[in-house]
Amino acid sequence: MLALNENPPLTWPDKRIRDFNGKWYVAHCKSRNEKILAWHMTHKNINYFLPMRLNVRKHKNKTFRTLLPVFTGYIFFCGGEQQRLEILRTNRVANMIEVQNQEQLIDELEAIENALTASFAIQSCQHFGNDCSNIVAEPLDTKGQIVHINGKTYIVLTISSLGLTVNIEIPFEMLRRIKPNYA
């Protein structure tokens, strides 16, 4: 378990993921290899995004704080064929996923990046389907679905290409309903 200051950065280099150049891929890592692979990418100067959340756990009289990947087993990276091969050579990747809709993935990752940058609590969750209201979370400029769980309001964000979802606890007054797009 790493100390908080020993974790890799969420993004490398330290800039917005929309500003990364290259093609986006998803590395499906071998068990518990996300952070090690992120450090490797940092040393090789490969652009990546590893969304992580703070996990606080108490044991006896001690409090443990760790950063855990939001999407266990996945790290998103941007580059070319040379970077893809470099990552495969690490022997830390179980599967490499090519992203068909690059712009959609960037939009979805950017929504999660905005939530993490604004320090909202984020966690992975079950997919709720289409029974939720479409909304915009004003402070994040993020579109998503809204759900209420145990008296709390969450915006649900999805990484469509992987079928992964996260929920972000957000004050209800920061939400605005939008009309669904029936294209």
Foldseek 3Di string as FASTA:
>chain_A
DDDAVPFADQWPPPDQPVPDDAFKKKFQFDAPCPRVLSVVCNVVRWIWGFDWFWDWDDDDHDIDIDIDGQDGRIIMTGDDPVVVVVSVVVVGGPDMGGDDDRVLQSLLVLLSVLCVVVPWGKHWDADPPDPFFWKAQQVSRHIAGWDADPNWIWGKGANVVVRTIMITTDDPVRIDGDDDDPD
